[in-house]
Amino acid sequence: MHVHLFSVKAKLRRLAFPLALLTAAAVGSEDARQLVARHVPWALTAECALAVFATVEVAVRELLLRLCGETHRCRIDGCRFRIRLTCPNAVQSRRWQEIAAAHPTHRLHHH
């Protein structure tokens, strides 16, 4: 099961950028279509469509990359140290897991 999870994450990592582009293109195009139908000037339509495209592309890509990311935390009670990885492979994940477990300074949460 663990190997399968990494293969799914690897596929998601490879598809994140194309999926984000396709989604953003669809949303930006629909936005432009609606603005043109309302007789908004072309320059303003282009600006709005590009802004929507850029915003959606970044948001979708970030979401997909977060889904395939991992967080490794220190196992000492009260320590808030953690490492967030974006779509690591199995070797990278294990390496950073060991680093998180053995880090020298502990950030203890004081109540």
N, C-alpha and C. Protein backbone atom coordinates (compact mmCIF):
# COMPACT_ATOMS: atom_id res chain seq x y z
N MET A 1 0.82 -1.20 0.00
CA MET A 1 0.00 0.00 0.00
C MET A 1 0.87 1.26 0.00
N HIS A 2 1.97 1.24 0.74
CA HIS A 2 2.84 2.40 0.84
C HIS A 2 3.46 2.75 -0.52
N VAL A 3 3.90 1.74 -1.26
CA VAL A 3 4.48 1.97 -2.59
C VAL A 3 3.43 2.55 -3.52
N HIS A 4 2.22 2.02 -3.44
CA HIS A 4 1.13 2.50 -4.29
C HIS A 4 0.83 3.98 -4.01
N LEU A 5 0.86 4.37 -2.76
CA LEU A 5 0.60 5.76 -2.39
C LEU A 5 1.63 6.69 -3.02
N PHE A 6 2.91 6.27 -3.02
CA PHE A 6 3.94 7.09 -3.63
C PHE A 6 3.74 7.19 -5.14
N SER A 7 3.27 6.11 -5.79
CA SER A 7 3.05 6.19 -7.23
C SER A 7 1.89 7.13 -7.56
N VAL A 8 0.86 7.13 -6.73
CA VAL A 8 -0.25 8.07 -6.93
C VAL A 8 0.24 9.50 -6.74
N LYS A 9 1.05 9.72 -5.73
CA LYS A 9 1.58 11.06 -5.48
C LYS A 9 2.51 11.50 -6.61
N ALA A 10 3.29 10.57 -7.15
CA ALA A 10 4.17 10.91 -8.27
C ALA A 10 3.36 11.31 -9.49
N LYS A 11 2.28 10.59 -9.77
CA LYS A 11 1.41 10.93 -10.89
C LYS A 11 0.77 12.30 -10.67
N LEU A 12 0.32 12.54 -9.47
CA LEU A 12 -0.29 13.83 -9.15
C LEU A 12 0.72 14.96 -9.34
N ARG A 13 1.96 14.73 -8.91
CA ARG A 13 3.01 15.74 -9.07
C ARG A 13 3.24 16.04 -10.55
N ARG A 14 3.29 15.00 -11.38
CA ARG A 14 3.52 15.19 -12.82
C ARG A 14 2.34 15.88 -13.49
N LEU A 15 1.14 15.63 -12.99
CA LEU A 15 -0.06 16.18 -13.63
C LEU A 15 -0.47 17.55 -13.07
N ALA A 16 0.14 17.97 -11.98
CA ALA A 16 -0.29 19.21 -11.32
C ALA A 16 -0.25 20.41 -12.26
N PHE A 17 0.84 20.60 -12.97
CA PHE A 17 0.97 21.77 -13.83
C PHE A 17 0.01 21.69 -15.03
N PRO A 18 -0.04 20.56 -15.77
CA PRO A 18 -0.99 20.51 -16.89
C PRO A 18 -2.45 20.63 -16.44
N LEU A 19 -2.82 19.99 -15.33
CA LEU A 19 -4.19 20.11 -14.84
C LEU A 19 -4.52 21.54 -14.43
N ALA A 20 -3.57 22.19 -13.81
CA ALA A 20 -3.78 23.59 -13.41
C ALA A 20 -3.95 24.47 -14.64
N LEU A 21 -3.12 24.24 -15.67
CA LEU A 21 -3.23 25.04 -16.90
C LEU A 21 -4.58 24.81 -17.59
N LEU A 22 -4.98 23.55 -17.70
CA LEU A 22 -6.26 23.25 -18.37
C LEU A 22 -7.44 23.85 -17.61
N THR A 23 -7.42 23.72 -16.30
CA THR A 23 -8.51 24.27 -15.49
C THR A 23 -8.55 25.79 -15.62
N ALA A 24 -7.39 26.41 -15.52
CA ALA A 24 -7.31 27.87 -15.61
C ALA A 24 -7.74 28.35 -16.99
N ALA A 25 -7.35 27.63 -18.03
CA ALA A 25 -7.74 28.01 -19.39
C ALA A 25 -9.25 27.93 -19.56
N ALA A 26 -9.85 26.88 -19.02
CA ALA A 26 -11.31 26.74 -19.12
C ALA A 26 -12.03 27.86 -18.38
N VAL A 27 -11.58 28.15 -17.16
CA VAL A 27 -12.24 29.20 -16.37
C VAL A 27 -12.01 30.57 -16.99
N GLY A 28 -10.77 30.84 -17.41
CA GLY A 28 -10.46 32.13 -18.05
C GLY A 28 -11.23 32.33 -19.35
N SER A 29 -11.36 31.26 -20.13
CA SER A 29 -12.11 31.34 -21.39
C SER A 29 -13.59 31.61 -21.14
N GLU A 30 -14.14 30.93 -20.16
CA GLU A 30 -15.55 31.16 -19.82
C GLU A 30 -15.77 32.59 -19.34
N ASP A 31 -14.83 33.09 -18.55
CA ASP A 31 -14.91 34.47 -18.08
C ASP A 31 -14.88 35.42 -19.27
N ALA A 32 -13.96 35.19 -20.20
CA ALA A 32 -13.86 36.04 -21.39
C ALA A 32 -15.14 35.95 -22.23
N ARG A 33 -15.69 34.76 -22.39
CA ARG A 33 -16.92 34.57 -23.16
C ARG A 33 -18.07 35.39 -22.57
N GLN A 34 -18.18 35.35 -21.25
CA GLN A 34 -19.26 36.10 -20.60
C GLN A 34 -19.06 37.61 -20.74
N LEU A 35 -17.83 38.07 -20.65
CA LEU A 35 -17.55 39.50 -20.79
C LEU A 35 -17.82 39.98 -22.22
N VAL A 36 -17.41 39.18 -23.21
CA VAL A 36 -17.66 39.53 -24.60
C VAL A 36 -19.16 39.60 -24.87
N ALA A 37 -19.91 38.67 -24.29
CA ALA A 37 -21.36 38.65 -24.48
C ALA A 37 -22.01 39.91 -23.89
N ARG A 38 -21.35 40.54 -22.94
CA ARG A 38 -21.88 41.76 -22.33
C ARG A 38 -21.25 43.02 -22.94
N HIS A 39 -20.56 42.83 -24.06
CA HIS A 39 -19.96 43.93 -24.84
C HIS A 39 -18.90 44.71 -24.06
N VAL A 40 -18.18 44.02 -23.21
CA VAL A 40 -17.05 44.65 -22.50
C VAL A 40 -15.91 44.82 -23.51
N PRO A 41 -15.22 45.96 -23.50
CA PRO A 41 -14.12 46.19 -24.45
C PRO A 41 -13.08 45.06 -24.40
N TRP A 42 -12.48 44.75 -25.57
CA TRP A 42 -11.53 43.64 -25.67
C TRP A 42 -10.35 43.77 -24.72
N ALA A 43 -9.82 44.95 -24.57
CA ALA A 43 -8.65 45.13 -23.70
C ALA A 43 -9.00 44.76 -22.25
N LEU A 44 -10.15 45.21 -21.79
CA LEU A 44 -10.58 44.90 -20.43
C LEU A 44 -10.92 43.41 -20.30
N THR A 45 -11.54 42.87 -21.32
CA THR A 45 -11.86 41.43 -21.33
C THR A 45 -10.58 40.61 -21.22
N ALA A 46 -9.57 40.98 -22.00
CA ALA A 46 -8.30 40.25 -21.98
C ALA A 46 -7.63 40.36 -20.61
N GLU A 47 -7.64 41.55 -20.05
CA GLU A 47 -7.03 41.75 -18.72
C GLU A 47 -7.74 40.89 -17.67
N CYS A 48 -9.05 40.90 -17.68
CA CYS A 48 -9.81 40.12 -16.70
C CYS A 48 -9.60 38.63 -16.89
N ALA A 49 -9.65 38.17 -18.14
CA ALA A 49 -9.47 36.75 -18.42
C ALA A 49 -8.07 36.28 -18.01
N LEU A 50 -7.06 37.09 -18.27
CA LEU A 50 -5.70 36.72 -17.88
C LEU A 50 -5.54 36.71 -16.36
N ALA A 51 -6.16 37.66 -15.69
CA ALA A 51 -6.09 37.69 -14.23
C ALA A 51 -6.77 36.46 -13.63
N VAL A 52 -7.93 36.11 -14.17
CA VAL A 52 -8.64 34.92 -13.70
C VAL A 52 -7.80 33.68 -13.99
N PHE A 53 -7.25 33.60 -15.21
CA PHE A 53 -6.40 32.47 -15.58
C PHE A 53 -5.25 32.30 -14.59
N ALA A 54 -4.53 33.38 -14.33
CA ALA A 54 -3.37 33.32 -13.44
C ALA A 54 -3.75 32.91 -12.02
N THR A 55 -4.83 33.48 -11.52
CA THR A 55 -5.27 33.17 -10.16
C THR A 55 -5.70 31.71 -10.04
N VAL A 56 -6.48 31.24 -10.98
CA VAL A 56 -6.95 29.85 -10.94
C VAL A 56 -5.79 28.88 -11.12
N GLU A 57 -4.88 29.19 -12.03
CA GLU A 57 -3.73 28.30 -12.26
C GLU A 57 -2.91 28.12 -10.99
N VAL A 58 -2.59 29.21 -10.33
CA VAL A 58 -1.80 29.13 -9.10
C VAL A 58 -2.57 28.38 -8.01
N ALA A 59 -3.84 28.68 -7.86
CA ALA A 59 -4.64 28.03 -6.81
C ALA A 59 -4.77 26.53 -7.04
N VAL A 60 -5.06 26.12 -8.27
CA VAL A 60 -5.21 24.69 -8.56
C VAL A 60 -3.87 23.96 -8.41
N ARG A 61 -2.80 24.57 -8.92
CA ARG A 61 -1.48 23.93 -8.79
C ARG A 61 -1.08 23.78 -7.33
N GLU A 62 -1.30 24.82 -6.53
CA GLU A 62 -0.98 24.75 -5.09
C GLU A 62 -1.79 23.67 -4.40
N LEU A 63 -3.06 23.58 -4.71
CA LEU A 63 -3.92 22.57 -4.12
C LEU A 63 -3.42 21.17 -4.46
N LEU A 64 -3.13 20.93 -5.73
CA LEU A 64 -2.66 19.61 -6.15
C LEU A 64 -1.32 19.27 -5.52
N LEU A 65 -0.43 20.24 -5.44
CA LEU A 65 0.88 19.98 -4.84
C LEU A 65 0.76 19.73 -3.33
N ARG A 66 -0.17 20.39 -2.68
CA ARG A 66 -0.40 20.14 -1.25
C ARG A 66 -0.96 18.75 -1.02
N LEU A 67 -1.79 18.29 -1.94
CA LEU A 67 -2.36 16.95 -1.81
C LEU A 67 -1.29 15.87 -1.90
N CYS A 68 -0.23 16.13 -2.63
CA CYS A 68 0.82 15.12 -2.74
C CYS A 68 1.99 15.43 -1.81
N GLY A 69 1.85 16.42 -0.96
CA GLY A 69 2.91 16.78 -0.03
C GLY A 69 2.87 15.94 1.24
N GLU A 70 3.91 16.07 2.02
CA GLU A 70 4.00 15.36 3.29
C GLU A 70 4.58 16.29 4.34
N THR A 71 4.22 16.02 5.57
CA THR A 71 4.77 16.75 6.70
C THR A 71 5.38 15.75 7.67
N HIS A 72 6.62 16.01 8.06
CA HIS A 72 7.28 15.19 9.08
C HIS A 72 7.48 16.06 10.31
N ARG A 73 7.13 15.51 11.47
CA ARG A 73 7.21 16.26 12.72
C ARG A 73 8.17 15.57 13.68
N CYS A 74 8.69 16.38 14.60
CA CYS A 74 9.49 15.83 15.69
C CYS A 74 8.56 15.01 16.58
N ARG A 75 9.05 13.91 17.10
CA ARG A 75 8.21 13.03 17.92
C ARG A 75 8.27 13.34 19.41
N ILE A 76 9.02 14.35 19.80
CA ILE A 76 9.11 14.73 21.20
C ILE A 76 7.85 15.51 21.57
N ASP A 77 7.21 15.11 22.66
CA ASP A 77 5.99 15.79 23.09
C ASP A 77 6.24 17.28 23.29
N GLY A 78 5.37 18.08 22.71
CA GLY A 78 5.46 19.53 22.88
C GLY A 78 6.33 20.23 21.85
N CYS A 79 7.13 19.50 21.09
CA CYS A 79 8.00 20.14 20.09
C CYS A 79 7.17 20.45 18.84
N ARG A 80 7.29 21.66 18.35
CA ARG A 80 6.52 22.10 17.20
C ARG A 80 7.31 22.04 15.89
N PHE A 81 8.51 21.47 15.91
CA PHE A 81 9.35 21.39 14.72
C PHE A 81 8.69 20.48 13.68
N ARG A 82 8.63 20.98 12.44
CA ARG A 82 8.10 20.15 11.37
C ARG A 82 8.72 20.56 10.04
N ILE A 83 8.69 19.63 9.12
CA ILE A 83 9.23 19.85 7.78
C ILE A 83 8.12 19.52 6.80
N ARG A 84 7.82 20.44 5.91
CA ARG A 84 6.78 20.23 4.89
C ARG A 84 7.46 20.01 3.55
N LEU A 85 7.19 18.88 2.91
CA LEU A 85 7.77 18.53 1.62
C LEU A 85 6.69 18.55 0.55
N THR A 86 7.05 19.04 -0.61
CA THR A 86 6.13 19.05 -1.74
C THR A 86 6.45 17.89 -2.66
N CYS A 87 5.60 16.90 -2.63
CA CYS A 87 5.68 15.74 -3.52
C CYS A 87 7.05 15.04 -3.51
N PRO A 88 7.51 14.61 -2.35
CA PRO A 88 8.81 13.93 -2.31
C PRO A 88 8.68 12.50 -2.84
N ASN A 89 9.82 11.95 -3.28
CA ASN A 89 9.81 10.53 -3.59
C ASN A 89 10.08 9.78 -2.29
N ALA A 90 10.08 8.45 -2.33
CA ALA A 90 10.21 7.65 -1.11
C ALA A 90 11.54 7.91 -0.40
N VAL A 91 12.61 8.04 -1.15
CA VAL A 91 13.93 8.26 -0.55
C VAL A 91 13.99 9.62 0.13
N GLN A 92 13.52 10.65 -0.54
CA GLN A 92 13.51 12.00 0.05
C GLN A 92 12.65 12.04 1.31
N SER A 93 11.50 11.40 1.24
CA SER A 93 10.60 11.39 2.39
C SER A 93 11.26 10.75 3.60
N ARG A 94 11.88 9.61 3.39
CA ARG A 94 12.55 8.90 4.49
C ARG A 94 13.69 9.73 5.07
N ARG A 95 14.47 10.36 4.19
CA ARG A 95 15.60 11.18 4.63
C ARG A 95 15.12 12.32 5.52
N TRP A 96 14.08 13.03 5.11
CA TRP A 96 13.58 14.15 5.89
C TRP A 96 12.85 13.70 7.14
N GLN A 97 12.27 12.53 7.10
CA GLN A 97 11.65 11.97 8.30
C GLN A 97 12.72 11.75 9.37
N GLU A 98 13.85 11.23 8.95
CA GLU A 98 14.97 11.02 9.89
C GLU A 98 15.53 12.33 10.40
N ILE A 99 15.62 13.32 9.54
CA ILE A 99 16.11 14.64 9.95
C ILE A 99 15.16 15.25 10.98
N ALA A 100 13.87 15.16 10.74
CA ALA A 100 12.89 15.71 11.69
C ALA A 100 12.98 15.01 13.03
N ALA A 101 13.21 13.71 13.02
CA ALA A 101 13.28 12.96 14.27
C ALA A 101 14.54 13.28 15.06
N ALA A 102 15.60 13.69 14.36
CA ALA A 102 16.89 13.89 15.03
C ALA A 102 17.33 15.35 15.11
N HIS A 103 16.45 16.28 14.87
CA HIS A 103 16.88 17.68 14.87
C HIS A 103 17.34 18.09 16.27
N PRO A 104 18.35 18.96 16.33
CA PRO A 104 18.99 19.27 17.62
C PRO A 104 18.25 20.27 18.50
N THR A 105 17.47 21.15 17.93
CA THR A 105 16.79 22.15 18.76
C THR A 105 15.30 21.86 18.77
N HIS A 106 14.74 21.82 19.93
CA HIS A 106 13.31 21.53 20.05
C HIS A 106 12.56 22.81 20.38
N ARG A 107 11.55 23.09 19.61
CA ARG A 107 10.69 24.26 19.82
C ARG A 107 9.50 23.80 20.64
N LEU A 108 9.63 23.93 21.93
CA LEU A 108 8.57 23.45 22.81
C LEU A 108 7.47 24.49 22.93
N HIS A 109 6.27 23.99 22.90
CA HIS A 109 5.09 24.84 23.00
C HIS A 109 4.84 25.12 24.48
N HIS A 110 4.91 26.39 24.85
CA HIS A 110 4.69 26.77 26.25
C HIS A 110 3.24 27.23 26.42
N HIS A 111 2.61 26.75 27.45
CA HIS A 111 1.20 27.09 27.71
C HIS A 111 1.09 28.31 28.55
